[in-house]
Amino acid sequence: MNGVDKPLVWLHGEIKTPPFSAAARLEAGVLLRRLQRGGRLAMPQSRPMPVIGRDCNEIRVNDGVVTWRIVYRIDRDAIVIAEVFSKKSASTPERIINTCRRRLQEYDHA
């Protein structure tokens, strides 16, 4: 990445305390910084989300009884954050998937 961090483009959501604990906010920040510097994440920190789109993934941050998800896409020039949400079930809700798809499409056509 030529020593230059990719910017984070926030389409929706934020990472702050509360609702994130300080430890979860720090973990999310470290993982996002790794992506900005050109690194890749793998399980258990991140998993691919091809159902949303190409190069889409979700960061997984455990925070006590809550598990946070950060849906992102790695573009050539930025890390695009489509959604931040707490996950309560094994599968990602369809409304989250559809919302992320729509936001990324709108971003691509802006």
N, C-alpha and C. Protein backbone atom coordinates (compact mmCIF):
# COMPACT_ATOMS: atom_id res chain seq x y z
N MET A 1 0.84 -1.20 0.00
CA MET A 1 0.00 0.00 0.00
C MET A 1 0.87 1.25 0.00
N ASN A 2 2.12 1.15 -0.28
CA ASN A 2 3.02 2.29 -0.38
C ASN A 2 3.08 3.14 0.89
N GLY A 3 2.86 2.55 2.04
CA GLY A 3 2.95 3.27 3.30
C GLY A 3 1.77 4.19 3.58
N VAL A 4 0.76 4.18 2.74
CA VAL A 4 -0.41 5.05 2.93
C VAL A 4 -1.60 4.17 3.28
N ASP A 5 -2.26 4.49 4.39
CA ASP A 5 -3.44 3.73 4.80
C ASP A 5 -4.62 4.03 3.89
N LYS A 6 -5.39 3.00 3.57
CA LYS A 6 -6.64 3.21 2.86
C LYS A 6 -7.60 3.90 3.81
N PRO A 7 -8.37 4.86 3.32
CA PRO A 7 -9.36 5.49 4.20
C PRO A 7 -10.53 4.55 4.48
N LEU A 8 -11.20 4.80 5.58
CA LEU A 8 -12.45 4.12 5.88
C LEU A 8 -13.58 5.00 5.37
N VAL A 9 -14.48 4.43 4.60
CA VAL A 9 -15.66 5.15 4.10
C VAL A 9 -16.86 4.57 4.84
N TRP A 10 -17.49 5.37 5.69
CA TRP A 10 -18.60 4.92 6.51
C TRP A 10 -19.92 5.22 5.80
N LEU A 11 -20.59 4.19 5.30
CA LEU A 11 -21.90 4.36 4.71
C LEU A 11 -22.98 4.37 5.79
N HIS A 12 -22.71 3.65 6.87
CA HIS A 12 -23.67 3.59 7.98
C HIS A 12 -23.00 2.98 9.20
N GLY A 13 -23.44 3.42 10.38
CA GLY A 13 -22.96 2.84 11.62
C GLY A 13 -21.75 3.58 12.16
N GLU A 14 -21.43 3.24 13.38
CA GLU A 14 -20.27 3.80 14.04
C GLU A 14 -19.83 2.86 15.15
N ILE A 15 -18.61 3.05 15.59
CA ILE A 15 -18.06 2.22 16.66
C ILE A 15 -17.69 3.17 17.78
N LYS A 16 -18.51 3.19 18.82
CA LYS A 16 -18.21 4.05 19.95
C LYS A 16 -18.73 3.41 21.24
N THR A 17 -18.25 3.92 22.34
CA THR A 17 -18.66 3.42 23.64
C THR A 17 -19.53 4.47 24.31
N PRO A 18 -20.73 4.07 24.80
CA PRO A 18 -21.47 2.87 24.45
C PRO A 18 -22.02 2.97 23.04
N PRO A 19 -22.53 1.95 22.46
CA PRO A 19 -22.90 0.65 23.02
C PRO A 19 -21.75 -0.36 23.06
N PHE A 20 -20.68 -0.17 22.27
CA PHE A 20 -19.53 -1.07 22.37
C PHE A 20 -18.86 -0.86 23.73
N SER A 21 -18.34 -1.93 24.31
CA SER A 21 -17.49 -1.75 25.48
C SER A 21 -16.17 -1.16 24.99
N ALA A 22 -15.38 -0.61 25.90
CA ALA A 22 -14.08 -0.05 25.52
C ALA A 22 -13.19 -1.12 24.88
N ALA A 23 -13.22 -2.34 25.42
CA ALA A 23 -12.39 -3.43 24.88
C ALA A 23 -12.84 -3.82 23.47
N ALA A 24 -14.14 -3.89 23.24
CA ALA A 24 -14.66 -4.25 21.91
C ALA A 24 -14.36 -3.15 20.91
N ARG A 25 -14.48 -1.89 21.33
CA ARG A 25 -14.16 -0.77 20.45
C ARG A 25 -12.69 -0.82 20.05
N LEU A 26 -11.82 -1.11 21.00
CA LEU A 26 -10.39 -1.21 20.72
C LEU A 26 -10.10 -2.36 19.75
N GLU A 27 -10.72 -3.52 19.98
CA GLU A 27 -10.52 -4.66 19.09
C GLU A 27 -10.98 -4.34 17.67
N ALA A 28 -12.15 -3.71 17.54
CA ALA A 28 -12.65 -3.34 16.21
C ALA A 28 -11.69 -2.36 15.54
N GLY A 29 -11.18 -1.41 16.29
CA GLY A 29 -10.23 -0.44 15.75
C GLY A 29 -8.95 -1.08 15.26
N VAL A 30 -8.43 -2.03 16.01
CA VAL A 30 -7.20 -2.74 15.62
C VAL A 30 -7.44 -3.53 14.32
N LEU A 31 -8.58 -4.19 14.22
CA LEU A 31 -8.88 -4.97 13.03
C LEU A 31 -9.08 -4.08 11.80
N LEU A 32 -9.78 -2.96 11.97
CA LEU A 32 -9.96 -2.04 10.86
C LEU A 32 -8.63 -1.42 10.43
N ARG A 33 -7.77 -1.10 11.38
CA ARG A 33 -6.45 -0.54 11.06
C ARG A 33 -5.63 -1.55 10.24
N ARG A 34 -5.72 -2.83 10.60
CA ARG A 34 -5.00 -3.86 9.84
C ARG A 34 -5.47 -3.87 8.39
N LEU A 35 -6.79 -3.76 8.19
CA LEU A 35 -7.32 -3.70 6.82
C LEU A 35 -6.83 -2.45 6.10
N GLN A 36 -6.83 -1.32 6.78
CA GLN A 36 -6.38 -0.08 6.16
C GLN A 36 -4.93 -0.17 5.68
N ARG A 37 -4.15 -0.93 6.38
CA ARG A 37 -2.72 -1.06 6.05
C ARG A 37 -2.45 -2.17 5.04
N GLY A 38 -3.51 -2.74 4.49
CA GLY A 38 -3.36 -3.74 3.44
C GLY A 38 -3.37 -5.17 3.92
N GLY A 39 -3.57 -5.39 5.22
CA GLY A 39 -3.62 -6.74 5.76
C GLY A 39 -4.96 -7.41 5.44
N ARG A 40 -4.99 -8.68 5.67
CA ARG A 40 -6.22 -9.46 5.49
C ARG A 40 -6.60 -10.08 6.82
N LEU A 41 -7.88 -10.29 7.00
CA LEU A 41 -8.40 -10.94 8.20
C LEU A 41 -8.98 -12.28 7.81
N ALA A 42 -8.96 -13.23 8.74
CA ALA A 42 -9.52 -14.55 8.51
C ALA A 42 -10.32 -14.95 9.75
N MET A 43 -10.94 -16.10 9.67
CA MET A 43 -11.69 -16.62 10.82
C MET A 43 -10.73 -16.76 12.00
N PRO A 44 -11.14 -16.48 13.18
CA PRO A 44 -12.50 -16.14 13.60
C PRO A 44 -12.81 -14.64 13.57
N GLN A 45 -11.83 -13.78 13.22
CA GLN A 45 -12.09 -12.34 13.25
C GLN A 45 -12.99 -11.86 12.11
N SER A 46 -12.93 -12.52 10.97
CA SER A 46 -13.69 -12.06 9.82
C SER A 46 -14.08 -13.25 8.96
N ARG A 47 -15.20 -13.10 8.27
CA ARG A 47 -15.59 -14.15 7.34
C ARG A 47 -16.17 -13.51 6.08
N PRO A 48 -16.01 -14.18 4.95
CA PRO A 48 -16.54 -13.65 3.69
C PRO A 48 -18.07 -13.60 3.71
N MET A 49 -18.62 -12.61 3.02
CA MET A 49 -20.07 -12.44 2.88
C MET A 49 -20.43 -12.29 1.41
N PRO A 50 -20.19 -13.35 0.60
CA PRO A 50 -20.48 -13.24 -0.83
C PRO A 50 -21.96 -13.02 -1.13
N VAL A 51 -22.83 -13.35 -0.19
CA VAL A 51 -24.26 -13.13 -0.38
C VAL A 51 -24.56 -11.63 -0.50
N ILE A 52 -23.69 -10.79 0.07
CA ILE A 52 -23.86 -9.34 -0.05
C ILE A 52 -23.22 -8.84 -1.34
N GLY A 53 -22.03 -9.33 -1.63
CA GLY A 53 -21.36 -8.89 -2.84
C GLY A 53 -19.90 -9.31 -2.86
N ARG A 54 -19.29 -9.07 -4.00
CA ARG A 54 -17.88 -9.42 -4.20
C ARG A 54 -17.01 -8.61 -3.23
N ASP A 55 -16.03 -9.26 -2.63
CA ASP A 55 -15.07 -8.65 -1.70
C ASP A 55 -15.72 -8.15 -0.41
N CYS A 56 -16.95 -8.61 -0.11
CA CYS A 56 -17.62 -8.23 1.14
C CYS A 56 -17.30 -9.24 2.23
N ASN A 57 -17.15 -8.74 3.43
CA ASN A 57 -16.82 -9.55 4.60
C ASN A 57 -17.51 -8.96 5.81
N GLU A 58 -17.45 -9.68 6.91
CA GLU A 58 -17.91 -9.11 8.17
C GLU A 58 -16.88 -9.38 9.25
N ILE A 59 -16.55 -8.33 9.98
CA ILE A 59 -15.70 -8.46 11.16
C ILE A 59 -16.59 -8.94 12.29
N ARG A 60 -16.06 -9.82 13.12
CA ARG A 60 -16.80 -10.36 14.26
C ARG A 60 -16.10 -9.94 15.54
N VAL A 61 -16.82 -9.22 16.39
CA VAL A 61 -16.26 -8.75 17.65
C VAL A 61 -17.16 -9.22 18.79
N ASN A 62 -16.64 -10.10 19.63
CA ASN A 62 -17.40 -10.56 20.80
C ASN A 62 -17.26 -9.54 21.91
N ASP A 63 -18.39 -9.20 22.52
CA ASP A 63 -18.43 -8.15 23.54
C ASP A 63 -19.34 -8.61 24.66
N GLY A 64 -18.86 -9.56 25.45
CA GLY A 64 -19.69 -10.11 26.53
C GLY A 64 -20.82 -10.92 25.95
N VAL A 65 -22.06 -10.50 26.21
CA VAL A 65 -23.23 -11.23 25.72
C VAL A 65 -23.65 -10.78 24.32
N VAL A 66 -23.01 -9.74 23.80
CA VAL A 66 -23.33 -9.21 22.48
C VAL A 66 -22.20 -9.55 21.51
N THR A 67 -22.56 -9.89 20.30
CA THR A 67 -21.57 -10.07 19.24
C THR A 67 -21.83 -9.01 18.19
N TRP A 68 -20.84 -8.15 17.95
CA TRP A 68 -20.95 -7.09 16.96
C TRP A 68 -20.47 -7.58 15.61
N ARG A 69 -21.08 -7.07 14.57
CA ARG A 69 -20.67 -7.35 13.20
C ARG A 69 -20.44 -6.03 12.49
N ILE A 70 -19.38 -5.98 11.71
CA ILE A 70 -19.07 -4.82 10.89
C ILE A 70 -18.95 -5.33 9.47
N VAL A 71 -19.92 -4.99 8.63
CA VAL A 71 -19.92 -5.44 7.25
C VAL A 71 -19.09 -4.44 6.45
N TYR A 72 -18.09 -4.96 5.73
CA TYR A 72 -17.20 -4.10 4.97
C TYR A 72 -16.87 -4.72 3.62
N ARG A 73 -16.39 -3.85 2.72
CA ARG A 73 -15.92 -4.29 1.42
C ARG A 73 -14.54 -3.66 1.20
N ILE A 74 -13.65 -4.44 0.68
CA ILE A 74 -12.31 -3.94 0.38
C ILE A 74 -12.29 -3.48 -1.07
N ASP A 75 -12.20 -2.18 -1.26
CA ASP A 75 -12.06 -1.60 -2.59
C ASP A 75 -10.58 -1.30 -2.83
N ARG A 76 -10.25 -0.99 -4.05
CA ARG A 76 -8.86 -0.69 -4.40
C ARG A 76 -8.36 0.52 -3.63
N ASP A 77 -9.24 1.50 -3.38
CA ASP A 77 -8.82 2.76 -2.78
C ASP A 77 -9.38 3.03 -1.39
N ALA A 78 -10.19 2.12 -0.84
CA ALA A 78 -10.80 2.37 0.47
C ALA A 78 -11.36 1.09 1.07
N ILE A 79 -11.61 1.15 2.37
CA ILE A 79 -12.38 0.11 3.07
C ILE A 79 -13.76 0.73 3.29
N VAL A 80 -14.78 0.13 2.70
CA VAL A 80 -16.13 0.68 2.75
C VAL A 80 -16.94 -0.07 3.80
N ILE A 81 -17.41 0.67 4.81
CA ILE A 81 -18.21 0.09 5.89
C ILE A 81 -19.68 0.27 5.54
N ALA A 82 -20.40 -0.84 5.37
CA ALA A 82 -21.81 -0.79 4.97
C ALA A 82 -22.76 -0.85 6.16
N GLU A 83 -22.34 -1.48 7.27
CA GLU A 83 -23.25 -1.65 8.41
C GLU A 83 -22.47 -2.08 9.64
N VAL A 84 -22.96 -1.64 10.78
CA VAL A 84 -22.47 -2.09 12.09
C VAL A 84 -23.72 -2.49 12.87
N PHE A 85 -23.75 -3.73 13.37
CA PHE A 85 -24.94 -4.17 14.08
C PHE A 85 -24.58 -5.27 15.08
N SER A 86 -25.47 -5.48 16.04
CA SER A 86 -25.30 -6.59 16.97
C SER A 86 -26.05 -7.78 16.40
N LYS A 87 -25.40 -8.91 16.45
CA LYS A 87 -25.99 -10.12 15.88
C LYS A 87 -26.48 -11.01 17.00
N LYS A 88 -27.72 -11.46 16.86
CA LYS A 88 -28.33 -12.25 17.92
C LYS A 88 -28.69 -13.66 17.48
N SER A 89 -28.54 -13.95 16.17
CA SER A 89 -28.88 -15.28 15.69
C SER A 89 -27.73 -15.83 14.86
N ALA A 90 -27.83 -17.08 14.49
CA ALA A 90 -26.75 -17.74 13.74
C ALA A 90 -26.62 -17.19 12.33
N SER A 91 -27.72 -16.78 11.73
CA SER A 91 -27.65 -16.27 10.35
C SER A 91 -27.85 -14.75 10.35
N THR A 92 -27.29 -14.12 9.32
CA THR A 92 -27.45 -12.68 9.17
C THR A 92 -28.86 -12.40 8.67
N PRO A 93 -29.58 -11.49 9.34
CA PRO A 93 -30.95 -11.19 8.92
C PRO A 93 -31.00 -10.71 7.47
N GLU A 94 -32.02 -11.14 6.75
CA GLU A 94 -32.18 -10.78 5.34
C GLU A 94 -32.25 -9.27 5.15
N ARG A 95 -32.86 -8.56 6.08
CA ARG A 95 -32.97 -7.10 5.94
C ARG A 95 -31.59 -6.45 5.99
N ILE A 96 -30.67 -7.00 6.79
CA ILE A 96 -29.30 -6.48 6.85
C ILE A 96 -28.60 -6.73 5.52
N ILE A 97 -28.74 -7.92 4.98
CA ILE A 97 -28.13 -8.28 3.70
C ILE A 97 -28.63 -7.34 2.61
N ASN A 98 -29.94 -7.15 2.53
CA ASN A 98 -30.53 -6.29 1.49
C ASN A 98 -30.11 -4.83 1.67
N THR A 99 -30.07 -4.37 2.90
CA THR A 99 -29.66 -2.99 3.18
C THR A 99 -28.21 -2.77 2.77
N CYS A 100 -27.34 -3.71 3.08
CA CYS A 100 -25.92 -3.59 2.70
C CYS A 100 -25.76 -3.59 1.19
N ARG A 101 -26.48 -4.46 0.52
CA ARG A 101 -26.43 -4.49 -0.95
C ARG A 101 -26.83 -3.13 -1.54
N ARG A 102 -27.94 -2.59 -1.03
CA ARG A 102 -28.45 -1.31 -1.52
C ARG A 102 -27.45 -0.19 -1.27
N ARG A 103 -26.90 -0.12 -0.06
CA ARG A 103 -25.94 0.94 0.27
C ARG A 103 -24.69 0.86 -0.62
N LEU A 104 -24.20 -0.35 -0.84
CA LEU A 104 -23.01 -0.50 -1.68
C LEU A 104 -23.31 -0.15 -3.14
N GLN A 105 -24.48 -0.51 -3.63
CA GLN A 105 -24.87 -0.13 -4.99
C GLN A 105 -24.95 1.39 -5.13
N GLU A 106 -25.57 2.02 -4.15
CA GLU A 106 -25.68 3.49 -4.18
C GLU A 106 -24.30 4.13 -4.12
N TYR A 107 -23.42 3.59 -3.32
CA TYR A 107 -22.04 4.11 -3.23
C TYR A 107 -21.33 3.98 -4.58
N ASP A 108 -21.49 2.82 -5.21
CA ASP A 108 -20.83 2.57 -6.49
C ASP A 108 -21.34 3.51 -7.60
N HIS A 109 -22.59 3.92 -7.50
CA HIS A 109 -23.18 4.74 -8.56
C HIS A 109 -23.18 6.24 -8.22
N ALA A 110 -22.59 6.59 -7.10
CA ALA A 110 -22.55 8.02 -6.71
C ALA A 110 -21.43 8.75 -7.39
